[in-house]
Amino acid sequence: RGSFTELLRLEKCGQVSINISKPGITKGE
């Protein structure tokens, strides 16, 4: 479907990630 990459985590403010979806792909649900 593509890729999912975690970039960083913050001690008190969650996390940031990059999601790449291929053409026509649905993610989540």
mmCIF file of all heavy atoms, coordinates in Angstrom:
data_MODEL
# 
_entry.id   MODEL 
# 
loop_
_atom_site.group_PDB 
_atom_site.id 
_atom_site.type_symbol 
_atom_site.label_atom_id 
_atom_site.label_alt_id 
_atom_site.label_comp_id 
_atom_site.label_asym_id 
_atom_site.label_entity_id 
_atom_site.label_seq_id 
_atom_site.pdbx_PDB_ins_code 
_atom_site.Cartn_x 
_atom_site.Cartn_y 
_atom_site.Cartn_z 
_atom_site.occupancy 
_atom_site.B_iso_or_equiv 
_atom_site.pdbx_formal_charge 
_atom_site.auth_seq_id 
_atom_site.auth_comp_id 
_atom_site.auth_asym_id 
_atom_site.auth_atom_id 
_atom_site.pdbx_PDB_model_num 
ATOM 1   N N   . ARG A 1 1  ? 0.810   -1.218 0.000  1.00 0.00 ? 1  ARG A N   1 
ATOM 2   C CA  . ARG A 1 1  ? 0.000   0.000  0.000  1.00 0.00 ? 1  ARG A CA  1 
ATOM 3   C C   . ARG A 1 1  ? 0.847   1.272  0.000  1.00 0.00 ? 1  ARG A C   1 
ATOM 4   O O   . ARG A 1 1  ? 0.361   2.353  -0.306 1.00 0.00 ? 1  ARG A O   1 
ATOM 5   C CB  . ARG A 1 1  ? -0.922  0.016  1.213  1.00 0.00 ? 1  ARG A CB  1 
ATOM 6   C CG  . ARG A 1 1  ? -1.867  -1.178 1.310  1.00 0.00 ? 1  ARG A CG  1 
ATOM 7   C CD  . ARG A 1 1  ? -2.616  -1.144 2.634  1.00 0.00 ? 1  ARG A CD  1 
ATOM 8   N NE  . ARG A 1 1  ? -1.694  -1.143 3.770  1.00 0.00 ? 1  ARG A NE  1 
ATOM 9   C CZ  . ARG A 1 1  ? -2.005  -0.712 4.989  1.00 0.00 ? 1  ARG A CZ  1 
ATOM 10  N NH1 . ARG A 1 1  ? -3.229  -0.236 5.231  1.00 0.00 ? 1  ARG A NH1 1 
ATOM 11  N NH2 . ARG A 1 1  ? -1.114  -0.758 5.955  1.00 0.00 ? 1  ARG A NH2 1 
ATOM 12  N N   . GLY A 1 2  ? 2.128   1.141  0.411  1.00 0.00 ? 2  GLY A N   1 
ATOM 13  C CA  . GLY A 1 2  ? 3.001   2.301  0.528  1.00 0.00 ? 2  GLY A CA  1 
ATOM 14  C C   . GLY A 1 2  ? 3.917   2.140  1.729  1.00 0.00 ? 2  GLY A C   1 
ATOM 15  O O   . GLY A 1 2  ? 4.470   1.053  1.945  1.00 0.00 ? 2  GLY A O   1 
ATOM 16  N N   . SER A 1 3  ? 4.044   3.186  2.540  1.00 0.00 ? 3  SER A N   1 
ATOM 17  C CA  . SER A 1 3  ? 4.919   3.102  3.715  1.00 0.00 ? 3  SER A CA  1 
ATOM 18  C C   . SER A 1 3  ? 4.402   4.010  4.828  1.00 0.00 ? 3  SER A C   1 
ATOM 19  O O   . SER A 1 3  ? 3.638   4.949  4.585  1.00 0.00 ? 3  SER A O   1 
ATOM 20  C CB  . SER A 1 3  ? 6.358   3.490  3.353  1.00 0.00 ? 3  SER A CB  1 
ATOM 21  O OG  . SER A 1 3  ? 6.439   4.860  2.987  1.00 0.00 ? 3  SER A OG  1 
ATOM 22  N N   . PHE A 1 4  ? 4.869   3.690  6.043  1.00 0.00 ? 4  PHE A N   1 
ATOM 23  C CA  . PHE A 1 4  ? 4.572   4.510  7.207  1.00 0.00 ? 4  PHE A CA  1 
ATOM 24  C C   . PHE A 1 4  ? 5.853   4.619  8.019  1.00 0.00 ? 4  PHE A C   1 
ATOM 25  O O   . PHE A 1 4  ? 6.448   3.607  8.394  1.00 0.00 ? 4  PHE A O   1 
ATOM 26  C CB  . PHE A 1 4  ? 3.452   3.888  8.049  1.00 0.00 ? 4  PHE A CB  1 
ATOM 27  C CG  . PHE A 1 4  ? 3.079   4.692  9.260  1.00 0.00 ? 4  PHE A CG  1 
ATOM 28  C CD1 . PHE A 1 4  ? 2.172   5.734  9.153  1.00 0.00 ? 4  PHE A CD1 1 
ATOM 29  C CD2 . PHE A 1 4  ? 3.641   4.420  10.507 1.00 0.00 ? 4  PHE A CD2 1 
ATOM 30  C CE1 . PHE A 1 4  ? 1.820   6.487  10.260 1.00 0.00 ? 4  PHE A CE1 1 
ATOM 31  C CE2 . PHE A 1 4  ? 3.290   5.165  11.616 1.00 0.00 ? 4  PHE A CE2 1 
ATOM 32  C CZ  . PHE A 1 4  ? 2.379   6.200  11.501 1.00 0.00 ? 4  PHE A CZ  1 
ATOM 33  N N   . THR A 1 5  ? 6.287   5.862  8.284  1.00 0.00 ? 5  THR A N   1 
ATOM 34  C CA  . THR A 1 5  ? 7.572   6.085  8.950  1.00 0.00 ? 5  THR A CA  1 
ATOM 35  C C   . THR A 1 5  ? 7.403   7.055  10.104 1.00 0.00 ? 5  THR A C   1 
ATOM 36  O O   . THR A 1 5  ? 6.944   8.188  9.917  1.00 0.00 ? 5  THR A O   1 
ATOM 37  C CB  . THR A 1 5  ? 8.609   6.659  7.957  1.00 0.00 ? 5  THR A CB  1 
ATOM 38  O OG1 . THR A 1 5  ? 8.721   5.798  6.830  1.00 0.00 ? 5  THR A OG1 1 
ATOM 39  C CG2 . THR A 1 5  ? 9.970   6.819  8.635  1.00 0.00 ? 5  THR A CG2 1 
ATOM 40  N N   . GLU A 1 6  ? 7.760   6.610  11.281 1.00 0.00 ? 6  GLU A N   1 
ATOM 41  C CA  . GLU A 1 6  ? 7.725   7.489  12.444 1.00 0.00 ? 6  GLU A CA  1 
ATOM 42  C C   . GLU A 1 6  ? 8.948   8.401  12.411 1.00 0.00 ? 6  GLU A C   1 
ATOM 43  O O   . GLU A 1 6  ? 10.085  7.931  12.274 1.00 0.00 ? 6  GLU A O   1 
ATOM 44  C CB  . GLU A 1 6  ? 7.710   6.669  13.726 1.00 0.00 ? 6  GLU A CB  1 
ATOM 45  C CG  . GLU A 1 6  ? 7.466   7.496  14.970 1.00 0.00 ? 6  GLU A CG  1 
ATOM 46  C CD  . GLU A 1 6  ? 7.366   6.649  16.227 1.00 0.00 ? 6  GLU A CD  1 
ATOM 47  O OE1 . GLU A 1 6  ? 7.120   5.428  16.110 1.00 0.00 ? 6  GLU A OE1 1 
ATOM 48  O OE2 . GLU A 1 6  ? 7.549   7.223  17.327 1.00 0.00 ? 6  GLU A OE2 1 
ATOM 49  N N   . LEU A 1 7  ? 8.730   9.735  12.555 1.00 0.00 ? 7  LEU A N   1 
ATOM 50  C CA  . LEU A 1 7  ? 9.825   10.700 12.500 1.00 0.00 ? 7  LEU A CA  1 
ATOM 51  C C   . LEU A 1 7  ? 10.389  10.997 13.881 1.00 0.00 ? 7  LEU A C   1 
ATOM 52  O O   . LEU A 1 7  ? 11.596  10.962 14.102 1.00 0.00 ? 7  LEU A O   1 
ATOM 53  C CB  . LEU A 1 7  ? 9.358   12.010 11.862 1.00 0.00 ? 7  LEU A CB  1 
ATOM 54  C CG  . LEU A 1 7  ? 8.963   11.977 10.394 1.00 0.00 ? 7  LEU A CG  1 
ATOM 55  C CD1 . LEU A 1 7  ? 8.655   13.392 9.928  1.00 0.00 ? 7  LEU A CD1 1 
ATOM 56  C CD2 . LEU A 1 7  ? 10.063  11.371 9.549  1.00 0.00 ? 7  LEU A CD2 1 
ATOM 57  N N   . LEU A 1 8  ? 9.528   11.344 14.805 1.00 0.00 ? 8  LEU A N   1 
ATOM 58  C CA  . LEU A 1 8  ? 9.997   11.672 16.152 1.00 0.00 ? 8  LEU A CA  1 
ATOM 59  C C   . LEU A 1 8  ? 8.862   11.564 17.151 1.00 0.00 ? 8  LEU A C   1 
ATOM 60  O O   . LEU A 1 8  ? 7.680   11.604 16.802 1.00 0.00 ? 8  LEU A O   1 
ATOM 61  C CB  . LEU A 1 8  ? 10.624  13.070 16.198 1.00 0.00 ? 8  LEU A CB  1 
ATOM 62  C CG  . LEU A 1 8  ? 9.800   14.270 15.711 1.00 0.00 ? 8  LEU A CG  1 
ATOM 63  C CD1 . LEU A 1 8  ? 8.935   14.822 16.827 1.00 0.00 ? 8  LEU A CD1 1 
ATOM 64  C CD2 . LEU A 1 8  ? 10.731  15.365 15.209 1.00 0.00 ? 8  LEU A CD2 1 
ATOM 65  N N   . ARG A 1 9  ? 9.292   11.415 18.404 1.00 0.00 ? 9  ARG A N   1 
ATOM 66  C CA  . ARG A 1 9  ? 8.358   11.399 19.521 1.00 0.00 ? 9  ARG A CA  1 
ATOM 67  C C   . ARG A 1 9  ? 8.719   12.531 20.467 1.00 0.00 ? 9  ARG A C   1 
ATOM 68  O O   . ARG A 1 9  ? 9.904   12.796 20.682 1.00 0.00 ? 9  ARG A O   1 
ATOM 69  C CB  . ARG A 1 9  ? 8.421   10.063 20.271 1.00 0.00 ? 9  ARG A CB  1 
ATOM 70  C CG  . ARG A 1 9  ? 7.947   8.882  19.451 1.00 0.00 ? 9  ARG A CG  1 
ATOM 71  C CD  . ARG A 1 9  ? 7.930   7.613  20.270 1.00 0.00 ? 9  ARG A CD  1 
ATOM 72  N NE  . ARG A 1 9  ? 7.300   6.524  19.533 1.00 0.00 ? 9  ARG A NE  1 
ATOM 73  C CZ  . ARG A 1 9  ? 6.681   5.497  20.110 1.00 0.00 ? 9  ARG A CZ  1 
ATOM 74  N NH1 . ARG A 1 9  ? 6.608   5.431  21.441 1.00 0.00 ? 9  ARG A NH1 1 
ATOM 75  N NH2 . ARG A 1 9  ? 6.130   4.548  19.376 1.00 0.00 ? 9  ARG A NH2 1 
ATOM 76  N N   . LEU A 1 10 ? 7.715   13.180 21.006 1.00 0.00 ? 10 LEU A N   1 
ATOM 77  C CA  . LEU A 1 10 ? 7.918   14.279 21.941 1.00 0.00 ? 10 LEU A CA  1 
ATOM 78  C C   . LEU A 1 10 ? 7.438   13.834 23.312 1.00 0.00 ? 10 LEU A C   1 
ATOM 79  O O   . LEU A 1 10 ? 6.380   13.216 23.429 1.00 0.00 ? 10 LEU A O   1 
ATOM 80  C CB  . LEU A 1 10 ? 7.152   15.513 21.476 1.00 0.00 ? 10 LEU A CB  1 
ATOM 81  C CG  . LEU A 1 10 ? 7.448   15.947 20.037 1.00 0.00 ? 10 LEU A CG  1 
ATOM 82  C CD1 . LEU A 1 10 ? 6.472   17.021 19.594 1.00 0.00 ? 10 LEU A CD1 1 
ATOM 83  C CD2 . LEU A 1 10 ? 8.870   16.450 19.915 1.00 0.00 ? 10 LEU A CD2 1 
ATOM 84  N N   . GLU A 1 11 ? 8.228   14.137 24.351 1.00 0.00 ? 11 GLU A N   1 
ATOM 85  C CA  . GLU A 1 11 ? 7.915   13.618 25.679 1.00 0.00 ? 11 GLU A CA  1 
ATOM 86  C C   . GLU A 1 11 ? 6.500   13.935 26.130 1.00 0.00 ? 11 GLU A C   1 
ATOM 87  O O   . GLU A 1 11 ? 5.855   13.130 26.798 1.00 0.00 ? 11 GLU A O   1 
ATOM 88  C CB  . GLU A 1 11 ? 8.929   14.142 26.698 1.00 0.00 ? 11 GLU A CB  1 
ATOM 89  C CG  . GLU A 1 11 ? 10.256  13.408 26.659 1.00 0.00 ? 11 GLU A CG  1 
ATOM 90  C CD  . GLU A 1 11 ? 11.136  13.728 27.850 1.00 0.00 ? 11 GLU A CD  1 
ATOM 91  O OE1 . GLU A 1 11 ? 10.850  14.720 28.562 1.00 0.00 ? 11 GLU A OE1 1 
ATOM 92  O OE2 . GLU A 1 11 ? 12.112  12.997 28.074 1.00 0.00 ? 11 GLU A OE2 1 
ATOM 93  N N   . LYS A 1 12 ? 6.010   15.112 25.772 1.00 0.00 ? 12 LYS A N   1 
ATOM 94  C CA  . LYS A 1 12 ? 4.676   15.508 26.236 1.00 0.00 ? 12 LYS A CA  1 
ATOM 95  C C   . LYS A 1 12 ? 3.751   15.928 25.103 1.00 0.00 ? 12 LYS A C   1 
ATOM 96  O O   . LYS A 1 12 ? 2.662   16.426 25.363 1.00 0.00 ? 12 LYS A O   1 
ATOM 97  C CB  . LYS A 1 12 ? 4.795   16.648 27.251 1.00 0.00 ? 12 LYS A CB  1 
ATOM 98  C CG  . LYS A 1 12 ? 5.504   16.249 28.538 1.00 0.00 ? 12 LYS A CG  1 
ATOM 99  C CD  . LYS A 1 12 ? 5.476   17.365 29.563 1.00 0.00 ? 12 LYS A CD  1 
ATOM 100 C CE  . LYS A 1 12 ? 6.126   16.941 30.875 1.00 0.00 ? 12 LYS A CE  1 
ATOM 101 N NZ  . LYS A 1 12 ? 6.096   18.009 31.900 1.00 0.00 ? 12 LYS A NZ  1 
ATOM 102 N N   . CYS A 1 13 ? 4.187   15.739 23.866 1.00 0.00 ? 13 CYS A N   1 
ATOM 103 C CA  . CYS A 1 13 ? 3.391   16.265 22.742 1.00 0.00 ? 13 CYS A CA  1 
ATOM 104 C C   . CYS A 1 13 ? 3.232   15.258 21.612 1.00 0.00 ? 13 CYS A C   1 
ATOM 105 O O   . CYS A 1 13 ? 3.192   15.624 20.448 1.00 0.00 ? 13 CYS A O   1 
ATOM 106 C CB  . CYS A 1 13 ? 4.022   17.548 22.205 1.00 0.00 ? 13 CYS A CB  1 
ATOM 107 S SG  . CYS A 1 13 ? 4.121   18.881 23.399 1.00 0.00 ? 13 CYS A SG  1 
ATOM 108 N N   . GLY A 1 14 ? 3.140   13.966 21.939 1.00 0.00 ? 14 GLY A N   1 
ATOM 109 C CA  . GLY A 1 14 ? 2.796   12.987 20.931 1.00 0.00 ? 14 GLY A CA  1 
ATOM 110 C C   . GLY A 1 14 ? 3.903   12.597 19.983 1.00 0.00 ? 14 GLY A C   1 
ATOM 111 O O   . GLY A 1 14 ? 5.083   12.600 20.340 1.00 0.00 ? 14 GLY A O   1 
ATOM 112 N N   . GLN A 1 15 ? 3.537   12.270 18.746 1.00 0.00 ? 15 GLN A N   1 
ATOM 113 C CA  . GLN A 1 15 ? 4.518   11.816 17.763 1.00 0.00 ? 15 GLN A CA  1 
ATOM 114 C C   . GLN A 1 15 ? 4.154   12.327 16.378 1.00 0.00 ? 15 GLN A C   1 
ATOM 115 O O   . GLN A 1 15 ? 3.001   12.662 16.095 1.00 0.00 ? 15 GLN A O   1 
ATOM 116 C CB  . GLN A 1 15 ? 4.620   10.291 17.759 1.00 0.00 ? 15 GLN A CB  1 
ATOM 117 C CG  . GLN A 1 15 ? 3.421   9.572  17.188 1.00 0.00 ? 15 GLN A CG  1 
ATOM 118 C CD  . GLN A 1 15 ? 3.591   8.058  17.209 1.00 0.00 ? 15 GLN A CD  1 
ATOM 119 O OE1 . GLN A 1 15 ? 3.979   7.476  18.210 1.00 0.00 ? 15 GLN A OE1 1 
ATOM 120 N NE2 . GLN A 1 15 ? 3.276   7.413  16.091 1.00 0.00 ? 15 GLN A NE2 1 
ATOM 121 N N   . VAL A 1 16 ? 5.162   12.374 15.510 1.00 0.00 ? 16 VAL A N   1 
ATOM 122 C CA  . VAL A 1 16 ? 4.997   12.825 14.132 1.00 0.00 ? 16 VAL A CA  1 
ATOM 123 C C   . VAL A 1 16 ? 5.460   11.710 13.207 1.00 0.00 ? 16 VAL A C   1 
ATOM 124 O O   . VAL A 1 16 ? 6.521   11.110 13.420 1.00 0.00 ? 16 VAL A O   1 
ATOM 125 C CB  . VAL A 1 16 ? 5.821   14.104 13.861 1.00 0.00 ? 16 VAL A CB  1 
ATOM 126 C CG1 . VAL A 1 16 ? 5.617   14.567 12.415 1.00 0.00 ? 16 VAL A CG1 1 
ATOM 127 C CG2 . VAL A 1 16 ? 5.430   15.205 14.835 1.00 0.00 ? 16 VAL A CG2 1 
ATOM 128 N N   . SER A 1 17 ? 4.663   11.441 12.167 1.00 0.00 ? 17 SER A N   1 
ATOM 129 C CA  . SER A 1 17 ? 4.977   10.377 11.217 1.00 0.00 ? 17 SER A CA  1 
ATOM 130 C C   . SER A 1 17 ? 4.709   10.855 9.801  1.00 0.00 ? 17 SER A C   1 
ATOM 131 O O   . SER A 1 17 ? 4.007   11.848 9.576  1.00 0.00 ? 17 SER A O   1 
ATOM 132 C CB  . SER A 1 17 ? 4.136   9.126  11.505 1.00 0.00 ? 17 SER A CB  1 
ATOM 133 O OG  . SER A 1 17 ? 4.272   8.725  12.858 1.00 0.00 ? 17 SER A OG  1 
ATOM 134 N N   . ILE A 1 18 ? 5.272   10.108 8.842  1.00 0.00 ? 18 ILE A N   1 
ATOM 135 C CA  . ILE A 1 18 ? 5.032   10.363 7.422  1.00 0.00 ? 18 ILE A CA  1 
ATOM 136 C C   . ILE A 1 18 ? 4.375   9.122  6.827  1.00 0.00 ? 18 ILE A C   1 
ATOM 137 O O   . ILE A 1 18 ? 4.900   8.003  6.956  1.00 0.00 ? 18 ILE A O   1 
ATOM 138 C CB  . ILE A 1 18 ? 6.343   10.653 6.664  1.00 0.00 ? 18 ILE A CB  1 
ATOM 139 C CG1 . ILE A 1 18 ? 6.943   11.980 7.120  1.00 0.00 ? 18 ILE A CG1 1 
ATOM 140 C CG2 . ILE A 1 18 ? 6.087   10.683 5.154  1.00 0.00 ? 18 ILE A CG2 1 
ATOM 141 C CD1 . ILE A 1 18 ? 6.174   13.198 6.684  1.00 0.00 ? 18 ILE A CD1 1 
ATOM 142 N N   . ASN A 1 19 ? 3.240   9.330  6.185  1.00 0.00 ? 19 ASN A N   1 
ATOM 143 C CA  . ASN A 1 19 ? 2.525   8.238  5.526  1.00 0.00 ? 19 ASN A CA  1 
ATOM 144 C C   . ASN A 1 19 ? 2.560   8.449  4.015  1.00 0.00 ? 19 ASN A C   1 
ATOM 145 O O   . ASN A 1 19 ? 2.253   9.544  3.528  1.00 0.00 ? 19 ASN A O   1 
ATOM 146 C CB  . ASN A 1 19 ? 1.078   8.179  6.005  1.00 0.00 ? 19 ASN A CB  1 
ATOM 147 C CG  . ASN A 1 19 ? 0.318   7.026  5.389  1.00 0.00 ? 19 ASN A CG  1 
ATOM 148 O OD1 . ASN A 1 19 ? 0.512   5.876  5.766  1.00 0.00 ? 19 ASN A OD1 1 
ATOM 149 N ND2 . ASN A 1 19 ? -0.548  7.333  4.435  1.00 0.00 ? 19 ASN A ND2 1 
ATOM 150 N N   . ILE A 1 20 ? 2.949   7.414  3.288  1.00 0.00 ? 20 ILE A N   1 
ATOM 151 C CA  . ILE A 1 20 ? 2.945   7.464  1.820  1.00 0.00 ? 20 ILE A CA  1 
ATOM 152 C C   . ILE A 1 20 ? 2.003   6.379  1.317  1.00 0.00 ? 20 ILE A C   1 
ATOM 153 O O   . ILE A 1 20 ? 2.179   5.191  1.627  1.00 0.00 ? 20 ILE A O   1 
ATOM 154 C CB  . ILE A 1 20 ? 4.359   7.260  1.244  1.00 0.00 ? 20 ILE A CB  1 
ATOM 155 C CG1 . ILE A 1 20 ? 5.301   8.350  1.765  1.00 0.00 ? 20 ILE A CG1 1 
ATOM 156 C CG2 . ILE A 1 20 ? 4.315   7.268  -0.293 1.00 0.00 ? 20 ILE A CG2 1 
ATOM 157 C CD1 . ILE A 1 20 ? 6.743   8.190  1.310  1.00 0.00 ? 20 ILE A CD1 1 
ATOM 158 N N   . SER A 1 21 ? 0.996   6.784  0.543  1.00 0.00 ? 21 SER A N   1 
ATOM 159 C CA  . SER A 1 21 ? 0.016   5.853  -0.009 1.00 0.00 ? 21 SER A CA  1 
ATOM 160 C C   . SER A 1 21 ? 0.176   5.761  -1.519 1.00 0.00 ? 21 SER A C   1 
ATOM 161 O O   . SER A 1 21 ? 0.279   6.783  -2.209 1.00 0.00 ? 21 SER A O   1 
ATOM 162 C CB  . SER A 1 21 ? -1.412  6.304  0.319  1.00 0.00 ? 21 SER A CB  1 
ATOM 163 O OG  . SER A 1 21 ? -1.620  6.337  1.707  1.00 0.00 ? 21 SER A OG  1 
ATOM 164 N N   . LYS A 1 22 ? 0.175   4.537  -2.017 1.00 0.00 ? 22 LYS A N   1 
ATOM 165 C CA  . LYS A 1 22 ? 0.241   4.319  -3.455 1.00 0.00 ? 22 LYS A CA  1 
ATOM 166 C C   . LYS A 1 22 ? -1.077  4.744  -4.118 1.00 0.00 ? 22 LYS A C   1 
ATOM 167 O O   . LYS A 1 22 ? -2.106  4.883  -3.443 1.00 0.00 ? 22 LYS A O   1 
ATOM 168 C CB  . LYS A 1 22 ? 0.520   2.838  -3.747 1.00 0.00 ? 22 LYS A CB  1 
ATOM 169 C CG  . LYS A 1 22 ? 1.869   2.347  -3.243 1.00 0.00 ? 22 LYS A CG  1 
ATOM 170 C CD  . LYS A 1 22 ? 3.010   3.001  -3.988 1.00 0.00 ? 22 LYS A CD  1 
ATOM 171 C CE  . LYS A 1 22 ? 4.348   2.430  -3.558 1.00 0.00 ? 22 LYS A CE  1 
ATOM 172 N NZ  . LYS A 1 22 ? 5.479   3.111  -4.242 1.00 0.00 ? 22 LYS A NZ  1 
ATOM 173 N N   . PRO A 1 23 ? -1.063  4.966  -5.444 1.00 0.00 ? 23 PRO A N   1 
ATOM 174 C CA  . PRO A 1 23 ? -2.281  5.382  -6.149 1.00 0.00 ? 23 PRO A CA  1 
ATOM 175 C C   . PRO A 1 23 ? -3.464  4.441  -5.882 1.00 0.00 ? 23 PRO A C   1 
ATOM 176 O O   . PRO A 1 23 ? -3.321  3.216  -5.912 1.00 0.00 ? 23 PRO A O   1 
ATOM 177 C CB  . PRO A 1 23 ? -1.870  5.342  -7.626 1.00 0.00 ? 23 PRO A CB  1 
ATOM 178 C CG  . PRO A 1 23 ? -0.390  5.608  -7.588 1.00 0.00 ? 23 PRO A CG  1 
ATOM 179 C CD  . PRO A 1 23 ? 0.094   4.925  -6.358 1.00 0.00 ? 23 PRO A CD  1 
ATOM 180 N N   . GLY A 1 24 ? -4.628  5.051  -5.579 1.00 0.00 ? 24 GLY A N   1 
ATOM 181 C CA  . GLY A 1 24 ? -5.863  4.297  -5.386 1.00 0.00 ? 24 GLY A CA  1 
ATOM 182 C C   . GLY A 1 24 ? -5.999  3.615  -4.038 1.00 0.00 ? 24 GLY A C   1 
ATOM 183 O O   . GLY A 1 24 ? -7.030  2.992  -3.756 1.00 0.00 ? 24 GLY A O   1 
ATOM 184 N N   . ILE A 1 25 ? -4.991  3.740  -3.165 1.00 0.00 ? 25 ILE A N   1 
ATOM 185 C CA  . ILE A 1 25 ? -4.993  3.020  -1.894 1.00 0.00 ? 25 ILE A CA  1 
ATOM 186 C C   . ILE A 1 25 ? -5.785  3.776  -0.824 1.00 0.00 ? 25 ILE A C   1 
ATOM 187 O O   . ILE A 1 25 ? -5.735  5.001  -0.732 1.00 0.00 ? 25 ILE A O   1 
ATOM 188 C CB  . ILE A 1 25 ? -3.544  2.784  -1.412 1.00 0.00 ? 25 ILE A CB  1 
ATOM 189 C CG1 . ILE A 1 25 ? -2.850  1.780  -2.322 1.00 0.00 ? 25 ILE A CG1 1 
ATOM 190 C CG2 . ILE A 1 25 ? -3.499  2.323  0.035  1.00 0.00 ? 25 ILE A CG2 1 
ATOM 191 C CD1 . ILE A 1 25 ? -3.464  0.384  -2.296 1.00 0.00 ? 25 ILE A CD1 1 
ATOM 192 N N   . THR A 1 26 ? -6.520  3.013  0.003  1.00 0.00 ? 26 THR A N   1 
ATOM 193 C CA  . THR A 1 26 ? -7.200  3.551  1.177  1.00 0.00 ? 26 THR A CA  1 
ATOM 194 C C   . THR A 1 26 ? -6.492  3.049  2.430  1.00 0.00 ? 26 THR A C   1 
ATOM 195 O O   . THR A 1 26 ? -6.218  1.863  2.568  1.00 0.00 ? 26 THR A O   1 
ATOM 196 C CB  . THR A 1 26 ? -8.667  3.097  1.221  1.00 0.00 ? 26 THR A CB  1 
ATOM 197 O OG1 . THR A 1 26 ? -9.345  3.584  0.058  1.00 0.00 ? 26 THR A OG1 1 
ATOM 198 C CG2 . THR A 1 26 ? -9.370  3.629  2.473  1.00 0.00 ? 26 THR A CG2 1 
ATOM 199 N N   . LYS A 1 27 ? -6.182  3.969  3.340  1.00 0.00 ? 27 LYS A N   1 
ATOM 200 C CA  . LYS A 1 27 ? -5.572  3.602  4.624  1.00 0.00 ? 27 LYS A CA  1 
ATOM 201 C C   . LYS A 1 27 ? -6.427  4.123  5.766  1.00 0.00 ? 27 LYS A C   1 
ATOM 202 O O   . LYS A 1 27 ? -7.187  5.077  5.607  1.00 0.00 ? 27 LYS A O   1 
ATOM 203 C CB  . LYS A 1 27 ? -4.155  4.164  4.735  1.00 0.00 ? 27 LYS A CB  1 
ATOM 204 C CG  . LYS A 1 27 ? -3.111  3.438  3.894  1.00 0.00 ? 27 LYS A CG  1 
ATOM 205 C CD  . LYS A 1 27 ? -1.705  3.922  4.251  1.00 0.00 ? 27 LYS A CD  1 
ATOM 206 C CE  . LYS A 1 27 ? -0.640  3.156  3.528  1.00 0.00 ? 27 LYS A CE  1 
ATOM 207 N NZ  . LYS A 1 27 ? 0.729   3.575  3.936  1.00 0.00 ? 27 LYS A NZ  1 
ATOM 208 N N   . GLY A 1 28 ? -6.243  3.516  6.932  1.00 0.00 ? 28 GLY A N   1 
ATOM 209 C CA  . GLY A 1 28 ? -6.987  3.947  8.113  1.00 0.00 ? 28 GLY A CA  1 
ATOM 210 C C   . GLY A 1 28 ? -8.086  2.969  8.429  1.00 0.00 ? 28 GLY A C   1 
ATOM 211 O O   . GLY A 1 28 ? -7.814  1.826  8.787  1.00 0.00 ? 28 GLY A O   1 
ATOM 212 N N   . GLU A 1 29 ? -9.331  3.441  8.311  1.00 0.00 ? 29 GLU A N   1 
ATOM 213 C CA  . GLU A 1 29 ? -10.508 2.641  8.628  1.00 0.00 ? 29 GLU A CA  1 
ATOM 214 C C   . GLU A 1 29 ? -10.481 2.187  10.099 1.00 0.00 ? 29 GLU A C   1 
ATOM 215 O O   . GLU A 1 29 ? -10.636 1.015  10.431 1.00 0.00 ? 29 GLU A O   1 
ATOM 216 C CB  . GLU A 1 29 ? -10.612 1.408  7.711  1.00 0.00 ? 29 GLU A CB  1 
ATOM 217 C CG  . GLU A 1 29 ? -10.568 1.711  6.226  1.00 0.00 ? 29 GLU A CG  1 
ATOM 218 C CD  . GLU A 1 29 ? -11.874 2.304  5.681  1.00 0.00 ? 29 GLU A CD  1 
ATOM 219 O OE1 . GLU A 1 29 ? -12.521 3.072  6.417  1.00 0.00 ? 29 GLU A OE1 1 
ATOM 220 O OE2 . GLU A 1 29 ? -12.220 2.013  4.525  1.00 0.00 ? 29 GLU A OE2 1 
# 
